[in-house]
Protein backbone atom coordinates (compact mmCIF):
# COMPACT_ATOMS: atom_id res chain seq x y z
CA UNK A 1 0.00 0.00 0.00
CA UNK A 2 2.86 2.38 0.79
CA UNK A 3 4.45 1.66 -2.59
CA UNK A 4 1.16 2.28 -4.41
CA UNK A 5 0.58 5.52 -2.54
CA UNK A 6 4.10 6.65 -3.31
CA UNK A 7 3.78 5.95 -7.02
CA UNK A 8 0.46 7.78 -7.29
CA UNK A 9 1.89 10.72 -5.37
CA UNK A 10 4.85 10.87 -7.75
CA UNK A 11 2.46 10.73 -10.72
CA UNK A 12 0.53 13.73 -9.43
CA UNK A 13 3.78 15.65 -9.03
CA UNK A 14 4.88 14.68 -12.53
CA UNK A 15 1.65 16.06 -13.99
CA UNK A 16 1.70 19.25 -11.93
CA UNK A 17 2.59 21.35 -14.96
CA UNK A 18 0.34 19.64 -17.50
CA UNK A 19 -2.73 21.20 -19.15
CA UNK A 20 -5.91 19.19 -18.68
CA UNK A 21 -8.77 20.64 -20.67
CA UNK A 22 -9.05 23.27 -23.40
CA UNK A 23 -12.25 22.27 -25.17
CA UNK A 24 -14.47 24.99 -26.68
CA UNK A 25 -17.60 24.53 -28.75
CA UNK A 26 -17.20 25.79 -32.34
CA UNK A 27 -20.95 25.91 -32.79
CA UNK A 28 -23.72 25.96 -30.24
CA UNK A 29 -25.79 22.82 -29.82
CA UNK A 30 -27.28 20.40 -27.29
CA UNK A 31 -25.31 19.52 -24.19
CA UNK A 32 -22.40 17.15 -24.75
CA UNK A 33 -20.71 14.72 -22.35
CA UNK A 34 -18.72 16.47 -19.65
CA UNK A 35 -16.96 15.22 -16.52
CA UNK A 36 -19.51 14.95 -13.75
CA UNK A 37 -19.08 14.62 -10.03
CA UNK A 38 -22.32 12.67 -10.03
CA UNK A 39 -21.11 10.11 -12.55
CA UNK A 40 -22.60 6.68 -12.00
CA UNK A 41 -21.15 4.31 -9.48
CA UNK A 42 -19.40 1.05 -10.16
CA UNK A 43 -22.75 -0.74 -10.06
CA UNK A 44 -23.28 0.45 -13.64
CA UNK A 45 -20.65 -2.02 -14.78
CA UNK A 46 -21.56 -4.79 -12.39
CA UNK A 47 -21.50 -8.26 -14.00
CA UNK A 48 -24.67 -10.20 -14.58
CA UNK A 49 -25.57 -13.39 -12.74
CA UNK A 50 -23.28 -15.39 -15.04
CA UNK A 51 -20.36 -13.01 -14.38
CA UNK A 52 -20.40 -11.28 -17.78
CA UNK A 53 -20.21 -7.52 -18.27
CA UNK A 54 -22.72 -5.85 -20.60
CA UNK A 55 -21.97 -6.29 -24.29
CA UNK A 56 -20.50 -3.04 -25.53
CA UNK A 57 -19.83 -1.47 -28.93
CA UNK A 58 -16.95 0.58 -27.48
CA UNK A 59 -13.72 -0.53 -29.22
CA UNK A 60 -11.39 -2.55 -27.01
CA UNK A 61 -7.83 -1.52 -26.16
CA UNK A 62 -5.24 -2.04 -28.90
CA UNK A 63 -2.25 -4.33 -28.49
CA UNK A 64 0.31 -1.55 -28.15
CA UNK A 65 3.41 -1.34 -25.98
CA UNK A 66 4.17 2.32 -26.75
CA UNK A 67 2.70 4.74 -24.16
CA UNK A 68 2.35 7.61 -26.65
CA UNK A 69 0.45 5.53 -29.20
CA UNK A 70 -1.72 3.95 -26.52
CA UNK A 71 -2.57 7.31 -24.97
CA UNK A 72 -3.70 8.63 -28.36
CA UNK A 73 -5.98 5.62 -28.78
CA UNK A 74 -7.23 6.02 -25.22
CA UNK A 75 -8.06 9.66 -25.74
CA UNK A 76 -10.09 8.84 -28.85
CA UNK A 77 -11.94 6.19 -26.87
CA UNK A 78 -12.78 8.71 -24.13
CA UNK A 79 -13.87 11.44 -26.53
CA UNK A 80 -15.97 9.39 -28.96
CA UNK A 81 -19.46 8.11 -28.15
CA UNK A 82 -22.75 7.16 -29.74
CA UNK A 83 -25.71 7.58 -27.42
CA UNK A 84 -28.01 6.32 -30.18
CA UNK A 85 -26.70 2.76 -30.01
CA UNK A 86 -24.83 2.53 -26.71
CA UNK A 87 -26.39 2.45 -23.26
CA UNK A 88 -24.80 4.13 -20.26
CA UNK A 89 -23.84 0.75 -18.79
CA UNK A 90 -22.35 -0.40 -22.09
CA UNK A 91 -20.24 2.76 -22.36
CA UNK A 92 -18.77 2.24 -18.90
CA UNK A 93 -18.19 -1.46 -19.51
CA UNK A 94 -16.29 -0.68 -22.69
CA UNK A 95 -14.14 1.90 -20.94
CA UNK A 96 -13.36 -0.43 -18.04
CA UNK A 97 -11.84 -2.92 -20.49
CA UNK A 98 -9.04 -0.39 -21.07
CA UNK A 99 -8.06 -0.26 -17.39
CA UNK A 100 -4.99 -1.83 -15.85
CA UNK A 101 -5.77 -4.91 -13.80
CA UNK A 102 -3.34 -3.78 -11.10
CA UNK A 103 -5.81 -2.43 -8.57
CA UNK A 104 -3.06 -0.72 -6.57
CA UNK A 105 -2.69 1.82 -9.37
CA UNK A 106 -6.02 1.87 -11.25
CA UNK A 107 -8.10 5.02 -10.68
CA UNK A 108 -11.43 3.99 -12.21
CA UNK A 109 -13.28 6.94 -10.65
CA UNK A 110 -11.27 9.43 -12.70
CA UNK A 111 -12.07 7.53 -15.90
CA UNK A 112 -15.78 6.93 -15.40
CA UNK A 113 -16.17 10.59 -14.42
CA UNK A 114 -15.68 11.37 -18.13
CA UNK A 115 -19.13 9.90 -18.83
CA UNK A 116 -22.32 11.88 -18.06
CA UNK A 117 -24.64 10.49 -15.43
CA UNK A 118 -27.45 8.15 -16.57
CA UNK A 119 -30.06 10.94 -16.73
CA UNK A 120 -27.96 13.15 -19.01
CA UNK A 121 -26.96 10.13 -21.09
CA UNK A 122 -30.64 9.38 -21.72
CA UNK A 123 -31.13 12.96 -22.90
CA UNK A 124 -28.19 12.60 -25.27
CA UNK A 125 -29.83 9.45 -26.61
CA UNK A 126 -33.13 11.29 -27.10
CA UNK A 127 -31.25 13.92 -29.12
CA UNK A 128 -29.42 11.27 -31.14
CA UNK A 129 -26.06 12.67 -30.12
CA UNK A 130 -22.89 10.96 -31.28
CA UNK A 131 -19.27 11.98 -31.73
CA UNK A 132 -16.16 10.88 -33.54
CA UNK A 133 -12.67 11.90 -32.47
CA UNK A 134 -9.12 12.11 -33.74
CA UNK A 135 -5.92 12.51 -31.75
CA UNK A 136 -3.48 14.73 -33.54
CA UNK A 137 -0.53 14.79 -31.16
CA UNK A 138 0.76 13.15 -27.98
CA UNK A 139 3.79 13.97 -25.86
CA UNK A 140 5.32 13.45 -22.44
CA UNK A 141 4.79 16.59 -20.34
CA UNK A 142 7.93 18.53 -19.49
CA UNK A 143 7.47 17.86 -15.78
CA UNK A 144 7.35 14.13 -16.44
CA UNK A 145 10.47 14.22 -18.62
CA UNK A 146 12.31 16.23 -16.00
CA UNK A 147 11.36 13.77 -13.28
CA UNK A 148 12.64 10.89 -15.42
CA UNK A 149 15.90 12.74 -15.98
CA UNK A 150 16.26 13.34 -12.24
CA UNK A 151 15.53 9.71 -11.31
CA UNK A 152 15.55 7.33 -14.33
CA UNK A 153 14.96 4.28 -12.12
CA UNK A 154 11.70 5.62 -10.70
CA UNK A 155 9.69 4.51 -13.73
CA UNK A 156 10.56 0.87 -13.08
CA UNK A 157 8.39 0.79 -9.94
CA UNK A 158 5.16 0.64 -11.93
CA UNK A 159 6.01 1.73 -15.50
CA UNK A 160 3.34 4.42 -15.40
CA UNK A 161 3.76 7.25 -17.91
CA UNK A 162 2.06 10.64 -18.06
CA UNK A 163 1.01 11.52 -21.62
CA UNK A 164 -0.76 14.65 -22.85
CA UNK A 165 -2.92 14.21 -25.96
CA UNK A 166 -4.43 16.91 -28.15
CA UNK A 167 -7.14 16.29 -30.72
CA UNK A 168 -10.60 17.18 -31.96
CA UNK A 169 -14.12 15.86 -31.56
CA UNK A 170 -16.87 16.18 -34.17
CA UNK A 171 -20.42 16.13 -32.83
CA UNK A 172 -23.77 15.51 -34.50
CA UNK A 173 -27.38 15.22 -33.33
CA UNK A 174 -30.92 14.93 -34.60
CA UNK A 175 -32.11 17.45 -37.15
CA UNK A 176 -28.77 17.77 -38.89
CA UNK A 177 -27.06 19.68 -36.09
CA UNK A 178 -23.30 19.43 -35.78
CA UNK A 179 -20.33 21.03 -34.09
CA UNK A 180 -16.71 20.49 -33.15
CA UNK A 181 -14.46 20.81 -30.13
CA UNK A 182 -10.71 21.00 -29.66
CA UNK A 183 -9.75 18.60 -26.88
CA UNK A 184 -6.78 17.99 -24.60
CA UNK A 185 -6.32 15.42 -21.87
CA UNK A 186 -3.47 14.01 -19.81
CA UNK A 187 -3.62 10.29 -19.20
CA UNK A 188 -1.64 7.99 -16.95
CA UNK A 189 -0.89 4.78 -18.83
CA UNK A 190 0.92 1.66 -17.66
CA UNK A 191 3.24 -0.04 -20.14
CA UNK A 192 5.26 -2.77 -18.47
CA UNK A 193 7.99 -4.27 -20.69
CA UNK A 194 6.72 -7.12 -22.85
CA UNK A 195 3.04 -6.38 -22.17
CA UNK A 196 0.32 -4.27 -23.77
CA UNK A 197 -0.33 -0.85 -22.29
CA UNK A 198 -3.38 -0.18 -20.16
CA UNK A 199 -5.07 2.94 -18.84
CA UNK A 200 -4.43 3.93 -15.24
CA UNK A 201 -6.15 7.28 -14.78
CA UNK A 202 -7.23 10.58 -16.22
CA UNK A 203 -5.04 13.27 -14.64
CA UNK A 204 -6.76 15.85 -12.46
CA UNK A 205 -7.35 19.39 -13.65
CA UNK A 206 -4.05 21.25 -13.28
CA UNK A 207 -2.48 24.48 -14.46
CA UNK A 208 -0.40 24.53 -17.70
C-alpha cells in the first residue's frame, strides 16, 4: 500500500505542470458529455448473474506497448461516443476494459467521471447525439520528462507514464445539427515491458 501511494503521489507531481482541458464549442448545440461529479457508481458495470459484463460497442484496447500511441488511442476512446446505439452501462463497460488490472494503481473513478450520469446520457440518446474523435498529437509533459531525468529508475516501480494528448471531436445530433471541439487530456498509462499498455487514470485538472 505504501508503494502504491508513493507511485500515485509521484504521478501527481509529474503532472503538476500539465494542461488538462481546453475544449471549446465551435458551434452551439445540445449539451455534450462532460466530466460529472455525479457520474454513475461502479454498479453500472456490475456483472450479470453469469459473471459477464454488458456487451458493448466501445472498441477494445489495442495491443500496443508504446505509451504515446496507446494514450492517443485512449483519448479517442474517451472522446468518442454514440448515445443512439450505446447504453450508459455499455459505455462504462467498454471503458473499463481499457483499465490496468493492477488495482493498486487503477483510478477507475477518474475515468468513469468522463461519462455523463445516466439521466444526461438518456437525454443525449433522445437527441441522437454521437461523436467521432481524432488525436493529432501526444507527448510526455515537461514535468514528467524532467522527473525521469532526475531519477531514471523511478519509472521501473510501476512503468506508469504521463502523456498529454491533443485532438478534436466532431459532434452531431438529430435534425442535422453538428459542431466540433478542440480537446486535450493528460492520461496515466501503464506499459510494463513485454506487455500491452493499459489505462491507469485521467489526470486531475491542473495548471499549464
